[in-house]
Amino acid sequence: MFKIVAKRELNSSVTLMEIEAPYVARKAQAGQFIIFRIDEQGERVPLTIAGYDREKGTVTIIFQKVGFSTIALGALNEGDYIRDFVGPLGKPTPVEGKKKVCVVGGGVGCAIALPSAKAFKEAGAEVTVIVGFRSKDIVILEEEFRAVADRFILMTDDGSYGQHGLVTQPLKEMLENGETFDEVLAIGPIPMMKFVSLTTKPYDIHTSVSLNPIMVDGTGMCGGCRVTVGGQVKFACVDGPEFDGHQVDFAELMSRNAFYKGREADVAKTHTCRIEKMGKDLIH
């Protein structure tokens, strides 16, 4: 059992939790992920590690309450317990040897981008951060990004905060003005990562994207998280989750991620929420 030691609502749909998991915290690195399960009847849900404290033995996760399991997790509070918290899984973000990088985050994907931006900075790189949100009311982690970025740019789709526009706009302007980077890392919605990759490709700037395909076991055995990269089948859980954005088959990825949306909508109509039935005997 793993204790929730801290909880904070970042906006109306995004929650931060700090989980007591000393063995995971001991080995965790930026870019890796965990798989949690609330109780013995719960589904296995992967979440990228948003932070860790080796001394305290805690791991931070940030999640959007969009499905049954994340809504149930969001209903728990400090002092409650979850059944499983497995990790760290996947490969960490390669940060060594990079002198100048640009980290691009979109929406809740910024929670994943933050530890990577911090890791690049700690490795000695000059870090530009570009983050994008639909509007001001859902902006998260602004101060945390400012603390690690040499240059910070915040975009909103509706212009209600920061600069008006998409994250690709300032990136394109920099590249058109002759600026270059050793690495661009994009993390967020699939279309955003796709267009960041398209923006950097003419300039031959290595661009990594963190992929979130459907995943079950997280160890490469089920094959559910397969993606096509450079014409080859890869498994996001063991080969990634970060891949060369210029080589990813984004059309296939979007198609596979949407495969169960119809089924999810049907189940949502008849689903009986177990949150009220979980009881303290399952949580404590």
C-alpha atoms as a PDB file:
ATOM      1  CA  MET A   1       0.000   0.000   0.000  1.00  0.00           C
ATOM      2  CA  PHE A   2       1.234   3.498  -0.855  1.00  0.00           C
ATOM      3  CA  LYS A   3       0.284   6.548   1.168  1.00  0.00           C
ATOM      4  CA  ILE A   4      -0.817   9.877  -0.292  1.00  0.00           C
ATOM      5  CA  VAL A   5       1.226  12.374   1.723  1.00  0.00           C
ATOM      6  CA  ALA A   6       0.245  15.573  -0.115  1.00  0.00           C
ATOM      7  CA  LYS A   7      -2.487  16.694  -2.479  1.00  0.00           C
ATOM      8  CA  ARG A   8      -2.970  19.965  -4.335  1.00  0.00           C
ATOM      9  CA  GLU A   9      -5.501  20.994  -6.969  1.00  0.00           C
ATOM     10  CA  LEU A  10      -3.647  22.793  -9.772  1.00  0.00           C
ATOM     11  CA  ASN A  11      -6.842  23.738 -11.586  1.00  0.00           C
ATOM     12  CA  SER A  12     -10.407  22.466 -11.816  1.00  0.00           C
ATOM     13  CA  SER A  13      -9.418  19.199 -13.508  1.00  0.00           C
ATOM     14  CA  VAL A  14      -5.719  18.672 -12.733  1.00  0.00           C
ATOM     15  CA  THR A  15      -4.444  17.339  -9.400  1.00  0.00           C
ATOM     16  CA  LEU A  16      -0.962  16.983  -7.920  1.00  0.00           C
ATOM     17  CA  MET A  17      -0.267  14.180  -5.473  1.00  0.00           C
ATOM     18  CA  GLU A  18       2.863  13.229  -3.591  1.00  0.00           C
ATOM     19  CA  ILE A  19       3.033   9.485  -2.980  1.00  0.00           C
ATOM     20  CA  GLU A  20       5.154   7.762  -0.367  1.00  0.00           C
ATOM     21  CA  ALA A  21       7.157   5.282  -2.468  1.00  0.00           C
ATOM     22  CA  PRO A  22      10.797   5.208  -1.301  1.00  0.00           C
ATOM     23  CA  TYR A  23      11.993   2.435  -3.617  1.00  0.00           C
ATOM     24  CA  VAL A  24      10.575   4.228  -6.665  1.00  0.00           C
ATOM     25  CA  ALA A  25      11.934   7.596  -5.519  1.00  0.00           C
ATOM     26  CA  ARG A  26      15.396   6.097  -5.068  1.00  0.00           C
ATOM     27  CA  LYS A  27      15.730   5.224  -8.779  1.00  0.00           C
ATOM     28  CA  ALA A  28      13.363   7.668 -10.519  1.00  0.00           C
ATOM     29  CA  GLN A  29      14.638   9.973 -13.255  1.00  0.00           C
ATOM     30  CA  ALA A  30      13.040  12.610 -15.459  1.00  0.00           C
ATOM     31  CA  GLY A  31      11.071  11.133 -18.347  1.00  0.00           C
ATOM     32  CA  GLN A  32      10.184   7.850 -16.639  1.00  0.00           C
ATOM     33  CA  PHE A  33       6.723   6.760 -15.542  1.00  0.00           C
ATOM     34  CA  ILE A  34       4.855   4.703 -12.970  1.00  0.00           C
ATOM     35  CA  ILE A  35       1.747   2.525 -13.133  1.00  0.00           C
ATOM     36  CA  PHE A  36      -0.767   2.850 -10.320  1.00  0.00           C
ATOM     37  CA  ARG A  37      -3.769   0.791  -9.287  1.00  0.00           C
ATOM     38  CA  ILE A  38      -6.203   2.121  -6.695  1.00  0.00           C
ATOM     39  CA  ASP A  39      -7.407  -1.234  -5.417  1.00  0.00           C
ATOM     40  CA  GLU A  40      -7.424  -4.899  -6.401  1.00  0.00           C
ATOM     41  CA  GLN A  41     -10.322  -4.333  -8.809  1.00  0.00           C
ATOM     42  CA  GLY A  42      -8.753  -1.234 -10.372  1.00  0.00           C
ATOM     43  CA  GLU A  43      -7.258  -0.859 -13.813  1.00  0.00           C
ATOM     44  CA  ARG A  44      -3.549  -0.252 -14.347  1.00  0.00           C
ATOM     45  CA  VAL A  45      -2.946   3.380 -15.274  1.00  0.00           C
ATOM     46  CA  PRO A  46       0.423   4.797 -16.408  1.00  0.00           C
ATOM     47  CA  LEU A  47       1.460   8.313 -15.342  1.00  0.00           C
ATOM     48  CA  THR A  48       4.740  10.027 -16.066  1.00  0.00           C
ATOM     49  CA  ILE A  49       6.727  11.001 -12.981  1.00  0.00           C
ATOM     50  CA  ALA A  50       6.369  14.738 -12.341  1.00  0.00           C
ATOM     51  CA  GLY A  51       8.979  14.863  -9.580  1.00  0.00           C
ATOM     52  CA  TYR A  52      10.640  12.947  -6.790  1.00  0.00           C
ATOM     53  CA  ASP A  53      12.357  13.512  -3.464  1.00  0.00           C
ATOM     54  CA  ARG A  54      14.909  10.827  -2.668  1.00  0.00           C
ATOM     55  CA  GLU A  55      15.380  12.001   0.934  1.00  0.00           C
ATOM     56  CA  LYS A  56      11.663  12.011   1.729  1.00  0.00           C
ATOM     57  CA  GLY A  57      11.078   8.880  -0.330  1.00  0.00           C
ATOM     58  CA  THR A  58       8.218  10.421  -2.276  1.00  0.00           C
ATOM     59  CA  VAL A  59       7.196  10.600  -5.935  1.00  0.00           C
ATOM     60  CA  THR A  60       5.021  13.364  -7.366  1.00  0.00           C
ATOM     61  CA  ILE A  61       2.362  12.637  -9.979  1.00  0.00           C
ATOM     62  CA  ILE A  62       0.141  15.143 -11.765  1.00  0.00           C
ATOM     63  CA  PHE A  63      -2.965  13.895 -13.515  1.00  0.00           C
ATOM     64  CA  GLN A  64      -6.081  15.096 -15.261  1.00  0.00           C
ATOM     65  CA  LYS A  65      -9.347  13.673 -13.968  1.00  0.00           C
ATOM     66  CA  VAL A  66     -10.787  12.348 -17.223  1.00  0.00           C
ATOM     67  CA  GLY A  67     -11.476   8.616 -16.743  1.00  0.00           C
ATOM     68  CA  PHE A  68     -12.845   6.300 -14.081  1.00  0.00           C
ATOM     69  CA  SER A  69      -9.506   5.640 -12.402  1.00  0.00           C
ATOM     70  CA  THR A  70      -8.177   9.205 -12.416  1.00  0.00           C
ATOM     71  CA  ILE A  71     -11.494  10.509 -11.101  1.00  0.00           C
ATOM     72  CA  ALA A  72     -11.378   7.891  -8.337  1.00  0.00           C
ATOM     73  CA  LEU A  73      -7.768   8.782  -7.552  1.00  0.00           C
ATOM     74  CA  GLY A  74      -8.674  12.462  -7.422  1.00  0.00           C
ATOM     75  CA  ALA A  75     -11.394  11.685  -4.861  1.00  0.00           C
ATOM     76  CA  LEU A  76      -8.793  10.395  -2.382  1.00  0.00           C
ATOM     77  CA  ASN A  77      -7.091  12.666   0.122  1.00  0.00           C
ATOM     78  CA  GLU A  78      -3.916  13.036   2.145  1.00  0.00           C
ATOM     79  CA  GLY A  79      -3.552  10.050   4.445  1.00  0.00           C
ATOM     80  CA  ASP A  80      -5.379   7.674   2.107  1.00  0.00           C
ATOM     81  CA  TYR A  81      -3.631   4.754   0.425  1.00  0.00           C
ATOM     82  CA  ILE A  82      -3.586   3.230  -3.054  1.00  0.00           C
ATOM     83  CA  ARG A  83      -2.934  -0.435  -3.759  1.00  0.00           C
ATOM     84  CA  ASP A  84      -0.088  -0.387  -6.323  1.00  0.00           C
ATOM     85  CA  PHE A  85       2.528   2.144  -7.422  1.00  0.00           C
ATOM     86  CA  VAL A  86       5.058   0.451  -9.724  1.00  0.00           C
ATOM     87  CA  GLY A  87       8.154   2.027 -11.203  1.00  0.00           C
ATOM     88  CA  PRO A  88      10.234   3.667 -12.345  1.00  0.00           C
ATOM     89  CA  LEU A  89       9.444   2.361 -15.832  1.00  0.00           C
ATOM     90  CA  GLY A  90      10.688   3.404 -19.249  1.00  0.00           C
ATOM     91  CA  LYS A  91      13.879   5.179 -20.230  1.00  0.00           C
ATOM     92  CA  PRO A  92      14.841   8.540 -18.701  1.00  0.00           C
ATOM     93  CA  THR A  93      15.279  11.706 -20.735  1.00  0.00           C
ATOM     94  CA  PRO A  94      18.854  11.830 -22.150  1.00  0.00           C
ATOM     95  CA  VAL A  95      20.217  15.131 -20.846  1.00  0.00           C
ATOM     96  CA  GLU A  96      23.998  14.796 -20.909  1.00  0.00           C
ATOM     97  CA  GLY A  97      26.001  16.678 -23.510  1.00  0.00           C
ATOM     98  CA  LYS A  98      23.235  19.148 -24.404  1.00  0.00           C
ATOM     99  CA  LYS A  99      24.323  22.789 -24.269  1.00  0.00           C
ATOM    100  CA  LYS A 100      21.166  24.492 -25.505  1.00  0.00           C
ATOM    101  CA  VAL A 101      17.703  22.956 -25.428  1.00  0.00           C
ATOM    102  CA  CYS A 102      14.088  23.959 -25.889  1.00  0.00           C
ATOM    103  CA  VAL A 103      11.382  22.191 -23.884  1.00  0.00           C
ATOM    104  CA  VAL A 104       7.848  22.597 -25.239  1.00  0.00           C
ATOM    105  CA  GLY A 105       4.883  21.615 -23.066  1.00  0.00           C
ATOM    106  CA  GLY A 106       1.180  21.621 -23.770  1.00  0.00           C
ATOM    107  CA  GLY A 107      -1.636  21.454 -21.219  1.00  0.00           C
ATOM    108  CA  VAL A 108      -1.267  18.733 -18.616  1.00  0.00           C
ATOM    109  CA  GLY A 109       1.793  17.554 -20.568  1.00  0.00           C
ATOM    110  CA  CYS A 110       3.616  20.415 -18.842  1.00  0.00           C
ATOM    111  CA  ALA A 111       3.695  18.235 -15.741  1.00  0.00           C
ATOM    112  CA  ILE A 112       5.945  15.857 -17.660  1.00  0.00           C
ATOM    113  CA  ALA A 113       7.973  18.617 -19.289  1.00  0.00           C
ATOM    114  CA  LEU A 114       8.925  20.241 -15.974  1.00  0.00           C
ATOM    115  CA  PRO A 115      11.209  17.497 -14.567  1.00  0.00           C
ATOM    116  CA  SER A 116      12.926  17.156 -17.943  1.00  0.00           C
ATOM    117  CA  ALA A 117      13.512  20.915 -18.142  1.00  0.00           C
ATOM    118  CA  LYS A 118      14.924  20.787 -14.612  1.00  0.00           C
ATOM    119  CA  ALA A 119      17.158  17.822 -15.507  1.00  0.00           C
ATOM    120  CA  PHE A 120      18.540  19.642 -18.571  1.00  0.00           C
ATOM    121  CA  LYS A 121      19.275  22.702 -16.418  1.00  0.00           C
ATOM    122  CA  GLU A 122      21.021  20.629 -13.735  1.00  0.00           C
ATOM    123  CA  ALA A 123      23.138  19.007 -16.473  1.00  0.00           C
ATOM    124  CA  GLY A 124      24.419  22.453 -17.472  1.00  0.00           C
ATOM    125  CA  ALA A 125      22.227  23.290 -20.479  1.00  0.00           C
ATOM    126  CA  GLU A 126      20.749  26.657 -21.370  1.00  0.00           C
ATOM    127  CA  VAL A 127      17.015  25.953 -21.249  1.00  0.00           C
ATOM    128  CA  THR A 128      14.249  27.685 -23.172  1.00  0.00           C
ATOM    129  CA  VAL A 129      10.747  26.679 -22.099  1.00  0.00           C
ATOM    130  CA  ILE A 130       7.608  27.240 -24.175  1.00  0.00           C
ATOM    131  CA  VAL A 131       4.310  26.170 -22.624  1.00  0.00           C
ATOM    132  CA  GLY A 132       0.807  26.420 -24.013  1.00  0.00           C
ATOM    133  CA  PHE A 133      -2.704  26.250 -22.568  1.00  0.00           C
ATOM    134  CA  ARG A 134      -6.202  26.883 -23.882  1.00  0.00           C
ATOM    135  CA  SER A 135      -6.791  29.761 -21.457  1.00  0.00           C
ATOM    136  CA  LYS A 136      -5.524  31.450 -18.298  1.00  0.00           C
ATOM    137  CA  ASP A 137      -7.744  29.464 -15.924  1.00  0.00           C
ATOM    138  CA  ILE A 138      -5.993  26.152 -16.671  1.00  0.00           C
ATOM    139  CA  VAL A 139      -2.366  27.347 -16.502  1.00  0.00           C
ATOM    140  CA  ILE A 140      -0.271  25.130 -14.220  1.00  0.00           C
ATOM    141  CA  LEU A 141       3.285  25.162 -12.849  1.00  0.00           C
ATOM    142  CA  GLU A 142       4.183  28.618 -14.151  1.00  0.00           C
ATOM    143  CA  GLU A 143       6.422  29.577 -11.239  1.00  0.00           C
ATOM    144  CA  GLU A 144       8.117  26.176 -11.248  1.00  0.00           C
ATOM    145  CA  PHE A 145       9.012  26.581 -14.926  1.00  0.00           C
ATOM    146  CA  ARG A 146      10.271  30.127 -14.404  1.00  0.00           C
ATOM    147  CA  ALA A 147      12.593  28.831 -11.702  1.00  0.00           C
ATOM    148  CA  VAL A 148      14.403  26.438 -14.076  1.00  0.00           C
ATOM    149  CA  ALA A 149      14.153  28.255 -17.427  1.00  0.00           C
ATOM    150  CA  ASP A 150      16.686  30.719 -18.811  1.00  0.00           C
ATOM    151  CA  ARG A 151      13.897  31.927 -21.090  1.00  0.00           C
ATOM    152  CA  PHE A 152      10.222  31.270 -20.461  1.00  0.00           C
ATOM    153  CA  ILE A 153       7.362  31.813 -22.910  1.00  0.00           C
ATOM    154  CA  LEU A 154       3.724  31.147 -22.069  1.00  0.00           C
ATOM    155  CA  MET A 155       1.095  30.922 -24.800  1.00  0.00           C
ATOM    156  CA  THR A 156      -2.696  30.712 -24.589  1.00  0.00           C
ATOM    157  CA  ASP A 157      -5.015  29.777 -27.420  1.00  0.00           C
ATOM    158  CA  ASP A 158      -7.467  32.568 -26.570  1.00  0.00           C
ATOM    159  CA  GLY A 159      -4.927  35.218 -25.586  1.00  0.00           C
ATOM    160  CA  SER A 160      -6.260  35.475 -22.036  1.00  0.00           C
ATOM    161  CA  TYR A 161      -2.745  35.197 -20.574  1.00  0.00           C
ATOM    162  CA  GLY A 162       0.813  35.380 -21.827  1.00  0.00           C
ATOM    163  CA  GLN A 163       1.100  35.562 -25.599  1.00  0.00           C
ATOM    164  CA  HIS A 164      -1.769  34.768 -27.945  1.00  0.00           C
ATOM    165  CA  GLY A 165      -1.201  31.740 -30.164  1.00  0.00           C
ATOM    166  CA  LEU A 166       0.228  28.242 -30.364  1.00  0.00           C
ATOM    167  CA  VAL A 167       3.527  26.976 -28.972  1.00  0.00           C
ATOM    168  CA  THR A 168       4.872  26.470 -32.481  1.00  0.00           C
ATOM    169  CA  GLN A 169       4.750  30.215 -33.203  1.00  0.00           C
ATOM    170  CA  PRO A 170       7.613  31.407 -30.953  1.00  0.00           C
ATOM    171  CA  LEU A 171       9.587  28.268 -31.784  1.00  0.00           C
ATOM    172  CA  LYS A 172       9.261  28.967 -35.511  1.00  0.00           C
ATOM    173  CA  GLU A 173      10.239  32.609 -35.011  1.00  0.00           C
ATOM    174  CA  MET A 174      13.394  31.594 -33.157  1.00  0.00           C
ATOM    175  CA  LEU A 175      14.396  29.139 -35.872  1.00  0.00           C
ATOM    176  CA  GLU A 176      13.631  31.605 -38.669  1.00  0.00           C
ATOM    177  CA  ASN A 177      15.846  34.148 -36.910  1.00  0.00           C
ATOM    178  CA  GLY A 178      18.772  31.732 -37.016  1.00  0.00           C
ATOM    179  CA  GLU A 179      18.580  30.362 -33.489  1.00  0.00           C
ATOM    180  CA  THR A 180      19.351  26.685 -33.063  1.00  0.00           C
ATOM    181  CA  PHE A 181      19.135  24.046 -30.356  1.00  0.00           C
ATOM    182  CA  ASP A 182      20.940  20.816 -29.585  1.00  0.00           C
ATOM    183  CA  GLU A 183      17.587  19.317 -28.644  1.00  0.00           C
ATOM    184  CA  VAL A 184      13.903  20.161 -28.720  1.00  0.00           C
ATOM    185  CA  LEU A 185      11.683  18.109 -26.420  1.00  0.00           C
ATOM    186  CA  ALA A 186       7.918  18.314 -26.954  1.00  0.00           C
ATOM    187  CA  ILE A 187       5.416  16.872 -24.495  1.00  0.00           C
ATOM    188  CA  GLY A 188       1.665  17.305 -24.711  1.00  0.00           C
ATOM    189  CA  PRO A 189      -1.281  16.482 -26.960  1.00  0.00           C
ATOM    190  CA  ILE A 190      -0.372  14.370 -29.969  1.00  0.00           C
ATOM    191  CA  PRO A 191      -1.250  17.077 -32.541  1.00  0.00           C
ATOM    192  CA  MET A 192       0.956  19.561 -30.683  1.00  0.00           C
ATOM    193  CA  MET A 193       3.921  17.168 -30.669  1.00  0.00           C
ATOM    194  CA  LYS A 194       3.350  16.424 -34.349  1.00  0.00           C
ATOM    195  CA  PHE A 195       3.425  20.093 -35.352  1.00  0.00           C
ATOM    196  CA  VAL A 196       6.421  20.885 -33.170  1.00  0.00           C
ATOM    197  CA  SER A 197       8.237  18.071 -35.000  1.00  0.00           C
ATOM    198  CA  LEU A 198       7.130  19.462 -38.377  1.00  0.00           C
ATOM    199  CA  THR A 199       8.367  22.903 -37.324  1.00  0.00           C
ATOM    200  CA  THR A 200      11.870  21.705 -36.458  1.00  0.00           C
ATOM    201  CA  LYS A 201      12.330  19.190 -39.271  1.00  0.00           C
ATOM    202  CA  PRO A 202      13.372  21.681 -42.005  1.00  0.00           C
ATOM    203  CA  TYR A 203      16.117  22.896 -39.664  1.00  0.00           C
ATOM    204  CA  ASP A 204      17.391  19.394 -38.911  1.00  0.00           C
ATOM    205  CA  ILE A 205      17.101  19.910 -35.145  1.00  0.00           C
ATOM    206  CA  HIS A 206      16.797  16.695 -33.189  1.00  0.00           C
ATOM    207  CA  THR A 207      13.329  16.616 -31.674  1.00  0.00           C
ATOM    208  CA  SER A 208      12.065  14.163 -29.081  1.00  0.00           C
ATOM    209  CA  VAL A 209       8.440  13.547 -28.174  1.00  0.00           C
ATOM    210  CA  SER A 210       7.035  11.698 -25.162  1.00  0.00           C
ATOM    211  CA  LEU A 211       4.324   9.299 -26.328  1.00  0.00           C
ATOM    212  CA  ASN A 212       1.288   8.091 -24.419  1.00  0.00           C
ATOM    213  CA  PRO A 213      -0.235   5.181 -26.342  1.00  0.00           C
ATOM    214  CA  ILE A 214      -2.630   2.703 -24.762  1.00  0.00           C
ATOM    215  CA  MET A 215      -0.639   0.689 -22.230  1.00  0.00           C
ATOM    216  CA  VAL A 216      -1.414  -2.337 -20.040  1.00  0.00           C
ATOM    217  CA  ASP A 217       1.535  -3.980 -18.273  1.00  0.00           C
ATOM    218  CA  GLY A 218       4.339  -1.454 -18.808  1.00  0.00           C
ATOM    219  CA  THR A 219       7.003  -4.137 -19.303  1.00  0.00           C
ATOM    220  CA  GLY A 220       6.829  -4.797 -23.052  1.00  0.00           C
ATOM    221  CA  MET A 221       4.917  -8.078 -22.754  1.00  0.00           C
ATOM    222  CA  CYS A 222       1.409  -7.108 -23.882  1.00  0.00           C
ATOM    223  CA  GLY A 223       2.312  -5.094 -26.983  1.00  0.00           C
ATOM    224  CA  GLY A 224      -0.551  -2.678 -26.369  1.00  0.00           C
ATOM    225  CA  CYS A 225       1.693   0.397 -26.455  1.00  0.00           C
ATOM    226  CA  ARG A 226       3.301  -0.339 -29.805  1.00  0.00           C
ATOM    227  CA  VAL A 227       4.126   2.614 -32.012  1.00  0.00           C
ATOM    228  CA  THR A 228       5.802   2.873 -35.385  1.00  0.00           C
ATOM    229  CA  VAL A 229       9.028   4.875 -35.384  1.00  0.00           C
ATOM    230  CA  GLY A 230      11.160   5.057 -38.497  1.00  0.00           C
ATOM    231  CA  GLY A 231       9.129   2.240 -40.026  1.00  0.00           C
ATOM    232  CA  GLN A 232       9.869  -0.099 -37.106  1.00  0.00           C
ATOM    233  CA  VAL A 233       7.572  -1.265 -34.314  1.00  0.00           C
ATOM    234  CA  LYS A 234       8.606   0.030 -30.908  1.00  0.00           C
ATOM    235  CA  PHE A 235       7.047  -0.350 -27.470  1.00  0.00           C
ATOM    236  CA  ALA A 236       6.604   2.930 -25.617  1.00  0.00           C
ATOM    237  CA  CYS A 237       6.948   1.279 -22.217  1.00  0.00           C
ATOM    238  CA  VAL A 238      10.440  -0.164 -22.731  1.00  0.00           C
ATOM    239  CA  ASP A 239      11.818   1.574 -25.832  1.00  0.00           C
ATOM    240  CA  GLY A 240      10.442   4.967 -24.784  1.00  0.00           C
ATOM    241  CA  PRO A 241       8.390   6.824 -23.825  1.00  0.00           C
ATOM    242  CA  GLU A 242      10.529   9.377 -25.707  1.00  0.00           C
ATOM    243  CA  PHE A 243      11.163   8.924 -29.427  1.00  0.00           C
ATOM    244  CA  ASP A 244      12.490  10.866 -32.404  1.00  0.00           C
ATOM    245  CA  GLY A 245       9.557  13.068 -33.394  1.00  0.00           C
ATOM    246  CA  HIS A 246      10.693  13.180 -37.015  1.00  0.00           C
ATOM    247  CA  GLN A 247      10.321   9.398 -37.232  1.00  0.00           C
ATOM    248  CA  VAL A 248       7.021   8.821 -35.381  1.00  0.00           C
ATOM    249  CA  ASP A 249       3.954   7.730 -37.346  1.00  0.00           C
ATOM    250  CA  PHE A 250       1.575  10.213 -35.723  1.00  0.00           C
ATOM    251  CA  ALA A 251      -1.414   9.211 -37.869  1.00  0.00           C
ATOM    252  CA  GLU A 252      -1.190   5.630 -36.618  1.00  0.00           C
ATOM    253  CA  LEU A 253      -0.675   6.796 -33.030  1.00  0.00           C
ATOM    254  CA  MET A 254      -3.768   9.008 -33.106  1.00  0.00           C
ATOM    255  CA  SER A 255      -5.825   6.233 -34.675  1.00  0.00           C
ATOM    256  CA  ARG A 256      -4.795   3.668 -32.071  1.00  0.00           C
ATOM    257  CA  ASN A 257      -5.381   6.065 -29.169  1.00  0.00           C
ATOM    258  CA  ALA A 258      -8.921   6.708 -30.416  1.00  0.00           C
ATOM    259  CA  PHE A 259      -9.722   3.012 -30.884  1.00  0.00           C
ATOM    260  CA  TYR A 260     -11.707   2.600 -27.647  1.00  0.00           C
ATOM    261  CA  LYS A 261     -13.375   6.008 -27.482  1.00  0.00           C
ATOM    262  CA  GLY A 262     -16.711   4.614 -28.688  1.00  0.00           C
ATOM    263  CA  ARG A 263     -16.584   1.808 -26.153  1.00  0.00           C
ATOM    264  CA  GLU A 264     -15.610   4.240 -23.378  1.00  0.00           C
ATOM    265  CA  ALA A 265     -18.610   6.430 -24.219  1.00  0.00           C
ATOM    266  CA  ASP A 266     -20.957   3.433 -24.113  1.00  0.00           C
ATOM    267  CA  VAL A 267     -19.594   2.226 -20.774  1.00  0.00           C
ATOM    268  CA  ALA A 268     -19.846   5.721 -19.302  1.00  0.00           C
ATOM    269  CA  LYS A 269     -23.624   5.620 -19.814  1.00  0.00           C
ATOM    270  CA  THR A 270     -24.093   2.475 -17.737  1.00  0.00           C
ATOM    271  CA  HIS A 271     -21.098   2.595 -15.375  1.00  0.00           C
ATOM    272  CA  THR A 272     -21.776   2.581 -11.650  1.00  0.00           C
ATOM    273  CA  CYS A 273     -19.102   4.539  -9.821  1.00  0.00           C
ATOM    274  CA  ARG A 274     -17.293   2.517  -7.161  1.00  0.00           C
ATOM    275  CA  ILE A 275     -15.809   5.548  -5.396  1.00  0.00           C
ATOM    276  CA  GLU A 276     -18.558   5.573  -2.791  1.00  0.00           C
ATOM    277  CA  LYS A 277     -18.292   1.808  -2.389  1.00  0.00           C
ATOM    278  CA  MET A 278     -14.544   1.622  -1.946  1.00  0.00           C
ATOM    279  CA  GLY A 279     -14.811   2.287   1.791  1.00  0.00           C
ATOM    280  CA  LYS A 280     -12.036   3.042   4.199  1.00  0.00           C
ATOM    281  CA  ASP A 281     -11.222  -0.656   4.461  1.00  0.00           C
ATOM    282  CA  LEU A 282      -9.873  -0.498   0.908  1.00  0.00           C
ATOM    283  CA  ILE A 283      -8.170   2.856   1.315  1.00  0.00           C
ATOM    284  CA  HIS A 284      -6.529   2.408   4.728  1.00  0.00           C
END
